[in-house]
Amino acid sequence: MDTKFLSAKEVAVLLGRSEKWVYSNKTAIPGMFYLGRSYFWDQTVLLGTLKDLATRPAKLGARGGKPIGDRHSLL
């Protein structure tokens, strides 16, 4: 098994947020599961979802101008 499970603290560091923010938004963060009174995130699911979101094709602006999205130049 090559999957690593992340704690809330590790997810907070990865996302650049506070641990409190991670707990407040735990159900919106992909890969979350609850085990023995603790929350964990599947690293493969989390990183895969973040990559999919970051590389999603850009949408054109309201007037067909500059694309909205790809703020990270990943495409």
PDB file of N, CA and C in Angstrom:
ATOM      1  N   MET A   1       0.847  -1.175   0.000  1.00  0.00           N
ATOM      2  CA  MET A   1       0.000   0.000   0.000  1.00  0.00           C
ATOM      3  C   MET A   1       0.889   1.233   0.000  1.00  0.00           C
ATOM      4  N   ASP A   2       0.736   2.061  -1.032  1.00  0.00           N
ATOM      5  CA  ASP A   2       1.579   3.241  -1.169  1.00  0.00           C
ATOM      6  C   ASP A   2       0.881   4.521  -0.741  1.00  0.00           C
ATOM      7  N   THR A   3      -0.344   4.409  -0.295  1.00  0.00           N
ATOM      8  CA  THR A   3      -1.108   5.593   0.078  1.00  0.00           C
ATOM      9  C   THR A   3      -0.684   6.100   1.450  1.00  0.00           C
ATOM     10  N   LYS A   4      -0.502   7.406   1.532  1.00  0.00           N
ATOM     11  CA  LYS A   4      -0.180   8.035   2.803  1.00  0.00           C
ATOM     12  C   LYS A   4      -1.408   8.797   3.278  1.00  0.00           C
ATOM     13  N   PHE A   5      -1.653   8.730   4.561  1.00  0.00           N
ATOM     14  CA  PHE A   5      -2.771   9.444   5.144  1.00  0.00           C
ATOM     15  C   PHE A   5      -2.236  10.642   5.912  1.00  0.00           C
ATOM     16  N   LEU A   6      -2.848  11.784   5.692  1.00  0.00           N
ATOM     17  CA  LEU A   6      -2.383  13.041   6.277  1.00  0.00           C
ATOM     18  C   LEU A   6      -3.250  13.458   7.455  1.00  0.00           C
ATOM     19  N   SER A   7      -2.618  14.048   8.451  1.00  0.00           N
ATOM     20  CA  SER A   7      -3.343  14.619   9.592  1.00  0.00           C
ATOM     21  C   SER A   7      -3.830  16.017   9.208  1.00  0.00           C
ATOM     22  N   ALA A   8      -4.675  16.587  10.036  1.00  0.00           N
ATOM     23  CA  ALA A   8      -5.168  17.948   9.790  1.00  0.00           C
ATOM     24  C   ALA A   8      -4.006  18.947   9.766  1.00  0.00           C
ATOM     25  N   LYS A   9      -3.028  18.724  10.604  1.00  0.00           N
ATOM     26  CA  LYS A   9      -1.867  19.616  10.649  1.00  0.00           C
ATOM     27  C   LYS A   9      -1.086  19.558   9.337  1.00  0.00           C
ATOM     28  N   GLU A  10      -0.902  18.361   8.795  1.00  0.00           N
ATOM     29  CA  GLU A  10      -0.181  18.197   7.523  1.00  0.00           C
ATOM     30  C   GLU A  10      -0.969  18.800   6.363  1.00  0.00           C
ATOM     31  N   VAL A  11      -2.296  18.640   6.385  1.00  0.00           N
ATOM     32  CA  VAL A  11      -3.142  19.236   5.344  1.00  0.00           C
ATOM     33  C   VAL A  11      -3.060  20.753   5.428  1.00  0.00           C
ATOM     34  N   ALA A  12      -3.056  21.292   6.633  1.00  0.00           N
ATOM     35  CA  ALA A  12      -2.955  22.738   6.824  1.00  0.00           C
ATOM     36  C   ALA A  12      -1.660  23.278   6.218  1.00  0.00           C
ATOM     37  N   VAL A  13      -0.567  22.591   6.443  1.00  0.00           N
ATOM     38  CA  VAL A  13       0.727  23.020   5.885  1.00  0.00           C
ATOM     39  C   VAL A  13       0.681  22.931   4.360  1.00  0.00           C
ATOM     40  N   LEU A  14       0.136  21.838   3.842  1.00  0.00           N
ATOM     41  CA  LEU A  14       0.058  21.631   2.396  1.00  0.00           C
ATOM     42  C   LEU A  14      -0.774  22.714   1.712  1.00  0.00           C
ATOM     43  N   LEU A  15      -1.886  23.095   2.338  1.00  0.00           N
ATOM     44  CA  LEU A  15      -2.778  24.091   1.750  1.00  0.00           C
ATOM     45  C   LEU A  15      -2.435  25.524   2.134  1.00  0.00           C
ATOM     46  N   GLY A  16      -1.506  25.697   3.059  1.00  0.00           N
ATOM     47  CA  GLY A  16      -1.136  27.042   3.492  1.00  0.00           C
ATOM     48  C   GLY A  16      -2.225  27.707   4.313  1.00  0.00           C
ATOM     49  N   ARG A  17      -2.937  26.907   5.080  1.00  0.00           N
ATOM     50  CA  ARG A  17      -4.029  27.395   5.925  1.00  0.00           C
ATOM     51  C   ARG A  17      -3.756  26.996   7.364  1.00  0.00           C
ATOM     52  N   SER A  18      -4.583  27.475   8.264  1.00  0.00           N
ATOM     53  CA  SER A  18      -4.436  27.095   9.669  1.00  0.00           C
ATOM     54  C   SER A  18      -5.108  25.737   9.894  1.00  0.00           C
ATOM     55  N   GLU A  19      -4.709  25.086  10.956  1.00  0.00           N
ATOM     56  CA  GLU A  19      -5.312  23.808  11.317  1.00  0.00           C
ATOM     57  C   GLU A  19      -6.796  24.009  11.654  1.00  0.00           C
ATOM     58  N   LYS A  20      -7.114  25.130  12.274  1.00  0.00           N
ATOM     59  CA  LYS A  20      -8.502  25.449  12.595  1.00  0.00           C
ATOM     60  C   LYS A  20      -9.338  25.552  11.314  1.00  0.00           C
ATOM     61  N   TRP A  21      -8.785  26.168  10.266  1.00  0.00           N
ATOM     62  CA  TRP A  21      -9.482  26.286   8.990  1.00  0.00           C
ATOM     63  C   TRP A  21      -9.741  24.908   8.384  1.00  0.00           C
ATOM     64  N   VAL A  22      -8.755  24.026   8.486  1.00  0.00           N
ATOM     65  CA  VAL A  22      -8.911  22.671   7.945  1.00  0.00           C
ATOM     66  C   VAL A  22     -10.069  21.968   8.642  1.00  0.00           C
ATOM     67  N   TYR A  23     -10.125  22.034   9.965  1.00  0.00           N
ATOM     68  CA  TYR A  23     -11.223  21.393  10.695  1.00  0.00           C
ATOM     69  C   TYR A  23     -12.570  22.023  10.347  1.00  0.00           C
ATOM     70  N   SER A  24     -12.596  23.332  10.167  1.00  0.00           N
ATOM     71  CA  SER A  24     -13.845  24.014   9.825  1.00  0.00           C
ATOM     72  C   SER A  24     -14.347  23.641   8.435  1.00  0.00           C
ATOM     73  N   ASN A  25     -13.435  23.280   7.546  1.00  0.00           N
ATOM     74  CA  ASN A  25     -13.779  22.969   6.158  1.00  0.00           C
ATOM     75  C   ASN A  25     -13.521  21.508   5.804  1.00  0.00           C
ATOM     76  N   LYS A  26     -13.450  20.656   6.810  1.00  0.00           N
ATOM     77  CA  LYS A  26     -13.038  19.255   6.608  1.00  0.00           C
ATOM     78  C   LYS A  26     -13.865  18.506   5.575  1.00  0.00           C
ATOM     79  N   THR A  27     -15.161  18.746   5.507  1.00  0.00           N
ATOM     80  CA  THR A  27     -15.990  18.006   4.563  1.00  0.00           C
ATOM     81  C   THR A  27     -15.826  18.503   3.128  1.00  0.00           C
ATOM     82  N   ALA A  28     -15.290  19.693   2.944  1.00  0.00           N
ATOM     83  CA  ALA A  28     -15.072  20.237   1.606  1.00  0.00           C
ATOM     84  C   ALA A  28     -13.704  19.860   1.050  1.00  0.00           C
ATOM     85  N   ILE A  29     -12.842  19.333   1.884  1.00  0.00           N
ATOM     86  CA  ILE A  29     -11.495  18.951   1.459  1.00  0.00           C
ATOM     87  C   ILE A  29     -11.549  17.487   1.030  1.00  0.00           C
ATOM     88  N   PRO A  30     -11.200  17.193  -0.236  1.00  0.00           N
ATOM     89  CA  PRO A  30     -11.324  15.826  -0.753  1.00  0.00           C
ATOM     90  C   PRO A  30     -10.426  14.823  -0.033  1.00  0.00           C
ATOM     91  N   GLY A  31     -10.912  13.595   0.078  1.00  0.00           N
ATOM     92  CA  GLY A  31     -10.125  12.509   0.650  1.00  0.00           C
ATOM     93  C   GLY A  31     -10.253  12.353   2.146  1.00  0.00           C
ATOM     94  N   MET A  32     -11.180  13.075   2.781  1.00  0.00           N
ATOM     95  CA  MET A  32     -11.320  13.041   4.233  1.00  0.00           C
ATOM     96  C   MET A  32     -12.048  11.791   4.689  1.00  0.00           C
ATOM     97  N   PHE A  33     -11.578  11.206   5.780  1.00  0.00           N
ATOM     98  CA  PHE A  33     -12.309  10.130   6.445  1.00  0.00           C
ATOM     99  C   PHE A  33     -12.059  10.222   7.940  1.00  0.00           C
ATOM    100  N   TYR A  34     -12.960   9.628   8.711  1.00  0.00           N
ATOM    101  CA  TYR A  34     -12.941   9.694  10.164  1.00  0.00           C
ATOM    102  C   TYR A  34     -12.603   8.313  10.687  1.00  0.00           C
ATOM    103  N   LEU A  35     -11.638   8.230  11.582  1.00  0.00           N
ATOM    104  CA  LEU A  35     -11.225   6.948  12.130  1.00  0.00           C
ATOM    105  C   LEU A  35     -10.785   7.145  13.571  1.00  0.00           C
ATOM    106  N   GLY A  36     -11.446   6.473  14.488  1.00  0.00           N
ATOM    107  CA  GLY A  36     -11.049   6.520  15.892  1.00  0.00           C
ATOM    108  C   GLY A  36     -10.974   7.906  16.486  1.00  0.00           C
ATOM    109  N   ARG A  37     -11.990   8.698  16.289  1.00  0.00           N
ATOM    110  CA  ARG A  37     -12.073  10.072  16.804  1.00  0.00           C
ATOM    111  C   ARG A  37     -11.096  11.041  16.157  1.00  0.00           C
ATOM    112  N   SER A  38     -10.531  10.664  15.036  1.00  0.00           N
ATOM    113  CA  SER A  38      -9.587  11.537  14.339  1.00  0.00           C
ATOM    114  C   SER A  38      -9.957  11.641  12.866  1.00  0.00           C
ATOM    115  N   TYR A  39      -9.623  12.775  12.275  1.00  0.00           N
ATOM    116  CA  TYR A  39      -9.843  12.990  10.848  1.00  0.00           C
ATOM    117  C   TYR A  39      -8.524  12.799  10.127  1.00  0.00           C
ATOM    118  N   PHE A  40      -8.600  12.166   8.970  1.00  0.00           N
ATOM    119  CA  PHE A  40      -7.431  11.957   8.124  1.00  0.00           C
ATOM    120  C   PHE A  40      -7.821  12.250   6.685  1.00  0.00           C
ATOM    121  N   TRP A  41      -6.832  12.505   5.855  1.00  0.00           N
ATOM    122  CA  TRP A  41      -7.050  12.728   4.436  1.00  0.00           C
ATOM    123  C   TRP A  41      -6.124  11.823   3.655  1.00  0.00           C
ATOM    124  N   ASP A  42      -6.678  11.200   2.618  1.00  0.00           N
ATOM    125  CA  ASP A  42      -5.903  10.360   1.720  1.00  0.00           C
ATOM    126  C   ASP A  42      -5.098  11.294   0.816  1.00  0.00           C
ATOM    127  N   GLN A  43      -3.790  11.216   0.912  1.00  0.00           N
ATOM    128  CA  GLN A  43      -2.913  12.130   0.177  1.00  0.00           C
ATOM    129  C   GLN A  43      -3.098  11.999  -1.330  1.00  0.00           C
ATOM    130  N   THR A  44      -3.260  10.786  -1.835  1.00  0.00           N
ATOM    131  CA  THR A  44      -3.417  10.572  -3.268  1.00  0.00           C
ATOM    132  C   THR A  44      -4.682  11.245  -3.787  1.00  0.00           C
ATOM    133  N   VAL A  45      -5.778  11.089  -3.070  1.00  0.00           N
ATOM    134  CA  VAL A  45      -7.051  11.699  -3.469  1.00  0.00           C
ATOM    135  C   VAL A  45      -6.951  13.222  -3.395  1.00  0.00           C
ATOM    136  N   LEU A  46      -6.417  13.733  -2.310  1.00  0.00           N
ATOM    137  CA  LEU A  46      -6.308  15.179  -2.115  1.00  0.00           C
ATOM    138  C   LEU A  46      -5.450  15.829  -3.201  1.00  0.00           C
ATOM    139  N   LEU A  47      -4.264  15.303  -3.422  1.00  0.00           N
ATOM    140  CA  LEU A  47      -3.370  15.900  -4.421  1.00  0.00           C
ATOM    141  C   LEU A  47      -3.904  15.734  -5.836  1.00  0.00           C
ATOM    142  N   GLY A  48      -4.525  14.593  -6.112  1.00  0.00           N
ATOM    143  CA  GLY A  48      -5.118  14.374  -7.435  1.00  0.00           C
ATOM    144  C   GLY A  48      -6.236  15.362  -7.725  1.00  0.00           C
ATOM    145  N   THR A  49      -7.092  15.600  -6.741  1.00  0.00           N
ATOM    146  CA  THR A  49      -8.184  16.543  -6.912  1.00  0.00           C
ATOM    147  C   THR A  49      -7.663  17.967  -7.076  1.00  0.00           C
ATOM    148  N   LEU A  50      -6.667  18.330  -6.284  1.00  0.00           N
ATOM    149  CA  LEU A  50      -6.083  19.674  -6.405  1.00  0.00           C
ATOM    150  C   LEU A  50      -5.448  19.871  -7.782  1.00  0.00           C
ATOM    151  N   LYS A  51      -4.770  18.842  -8.285  1.00  0.00           N
ATOM    152  CA  LYS A  51      -4.154  18.937  -9.610  1.00  0.00           C
ATOM    153  C   LYS A  51      -5.227  19.067 -10.685  1.00  0.00           C
ATOM    154  N   ASP A  52      -6.313  18.293 -10.579  1.00  0.00           N
ATOM    155  CA  ASP A  52      -7.407  18.398 -11.537  1.00  0.00           C
ATOM    156  C   ASP A  52      -8.009  19.798 -11.545  1.00  0.00           C
ATOM    157  N   LEU A  53      -8.206  20.358 -10.360  1.00  0.00           N
ATOM    158  CA  LEU A  53      -8.768  21.708 -10.271  1.00  0.00           C
ATOM    159  C   LEU A  53      -7.818  22.754 -10.839  1.00  0.00           C
ATOM    160  N   ALA A  54      -6.537  22.595 -10.586  1.00  0.00           N
ATOM    161  CA  ALA A  54      -5.546  23.576 -11.038  1.00  0.00           C
ATOM    162  C   ALA A  54      -5.312  23.512 -12.545  1.00  0.00           C
ATOM    163  N   THR A  55      -5.543  22.361 -13.153  1.00  0.00           N
ATOM    164  CA  THR A  55      -5.269  22.215 -14.587  1.00  0.00           C
ATOM    165  C   THR A  55      -6.543  22.185 -15.430  1.00  0.00           C
ATOM    166  N   ARG A  56      -7.674  22.491 -14.817  1.00  0.00           N
ATOM    167  CA  ARG A  56      -8.940  22.545 -15.547  1.00  0.00           C
ATOM    168  C   ARG A  56      -8.839  23.613 -16.631  1.00  0.00           C
ATOM    169  N   PRO A  57      -9.406  23.336 -17.821  1.00  0.00           N
ATOM    170  CA  PRO A  57      -9.354  24.347 -18.889  1.00  0.00           C
ATOM    171  C   PRO A  57      -9.934  25.683 -18.422  1.00  0.00           C
ATOM    172  N   ALA A  58      -9.300  26.753 -18.852  1.00  0.00           N
ATOM    173  CA  ALA A  58      -9.711  28.097 -18.450  1.00  0.00           C
ATOM    174  C   ALA A  58     -11.042  28.467 -19.095  1.00  0.00           C
ATOM    175  N   LYS A  59     -11.839  29.228 -18.361  1.00  0.00           N
ATOM    176  CA  LYS A  59     -13.099  29.763 -18.888  1.00  0.00           C
ATOM    177  C   LYS A  59     -12.820  31.164 -19.422  1.00  0.00           C
ATOM    178  N   LEU A  60     -13.538  31.528 -20.471  1.00  0.00           N
ATOM    179  CA  LEU A  60     -13.376  32.879 -20.996  1.00  0.00           C
ATOM    180  C   LEU A  60     -14.150  33.860 -20.139  1.00  0.00           C
ATOM    181  N   GLY A  61     -13.667  35.069 -20.076  1.00  0.00           N
ATOM    182  CA  GLY A  61     -14.337  36.108 -19.311  1.00  0.00           C
ATOM    183  C   GLY A  61     -15.728  36.395 -19.865  1.00  0.00           C
ATOM    184  N   ALA A  62     -16.490  37.197 -19.172  1.00  0.00           N
ATOM    185  CA  ALA A  62     -17.876  37.492 -19.531  1.00  0.00           C
ATOM    186  C   ALA A  62     -18.004  38.080 -20.939  1.00  0.00           C
ATOM    187  N   ARG A  63     -17.012  38.792 -21.381  1.00  0.00           N
ATOM    188  CA  ARG A  63     -17.074  39.419 -22.713  1.00  0.00           C
ATOM    189  C   ARG A  63     -16.198  38.691 -23.726  1.00  0.00           C
ATOM    190  N   GLY A  64     -15.843  37.441 -23.414  1.00  0.00           N
ATOM    191  CA  GLY A  64     -15.047  36.658 -24.350  1.00  0.00           C
ATOM    192  C   GLY A  64     -13.592  37.084 -24.410  1.00  0.00           C
ATOM    193  N   GLY A  65     -13.158  37.823 -23.425  1.00  0.00           N
ATOM    194  CA  GLY A  65     -11.790  38.328 -23.417  1.00  0.00           C
ATOM    195  C   GLY A  65     -10.808  37.349 -22.822  1.00  0.00           C
ATOM    196  N   LYS A  66     -10.002  37.856 -21.952  1.00  0.00           N
ATOM    197  CA  LYS A  66      -8.942  37.086 -21.319  1.00  0.00           C
ATOM    198  C   LYS A  66      -9.521  35.892 -20.540  1.00  0.00           C
ATOM    199  N   PRO A  67      -8.913  34.701 -20.679  1.00  0.00           N
ATOM    200  CA  PRO A  67      -9.415  33.533 -19.953  1.00  0.00           C
ATOM    201  C   PRO A  67      -9.350  33.712 -18.451  1.00  0.00           C
ATOM    202  N   ILE A  68     -10.366  33.208 -17.773  1.00  0.00           N
ATOM    203  CA  ILE A  68     -10.397  33.194 -16.330  1.00  0.00           C
ATOM    204  C   ILE A  68      -9.900  31.825 -15.909  1.00  0.00           C
ATOM    205  N   GLY A  69      -8.996  31.745 -14.991  1.00  0.00           N
ATOM    206  CA  GLY A  69      -8.460  30.464 -14.572  1.00  0.00           C
ATOM    207  C   GLY A  69      -7.003  30.356 -14.961  1.00  0.00           C
ATOM    208  N   ASP A  70      -6.444  29.199 -14.751  1.00  0.00           N
ATOM    209  CA  ASP A  70      -5.035  28.937 -15.007  1.00  0.00           C
ATOM    210  C   ASP A  70      -4.156  30.030 -14.414  1.00  0.00           C
ATOM    211  N   ARG A  71      -4.516  30.434 -13.204  1.00  0.00           N
ATOM    212  CA  ARG A  71      -3.746  31.470 -12.518  1.00  0.00           C
ATOM    213  C   ARG A  71      -2.350  30.999 -12.174  1.00  0.00           C
ATOM    214  N   HIS A  72      -2.158  29.693 -12.213  1.00  0.00           N
ATOM    215  CA  HIS A  72      -0.880  29.130 -11.783  1.00  0.00           C
ATOM    216  C   HIS A  72      -0.009  28.706 -12.956  1.00  0.00           C
ATOM    217  N   SER A  73      -0.443  29.025 -14.173  1.00  0.00           N
ATOM    218  CA  SER A  73       0.306  28.691 -15.384  1.00  0.00           C
ATOM    219  C   SER A  73       0.655  27.215 -15.471  1.00  0.00           C
ATOM    220  N   LEU A  74      -0.316  26.359 -15.163  1.00  0.00           N
ATOM    221  CA  LEU A  74      -0.082  24.934 -15.214  1.00  0.00           C
ATOM    222  C   LEU A  74      -0.528  24.305 -16.514  1.00  0.00           C
ATOM    223  N   LEU A  75      -1.192  25.058 -17.383  1.00  0.00           N
ATOM    224  CA  LEU A  75      -1.641  24.496 -18.656  1.00  0.00           C
ATOM    225  C   LEU A  75      -0.652  24.733 -19.745  1.00  0.00           C
TER     226      LEU A  75
END
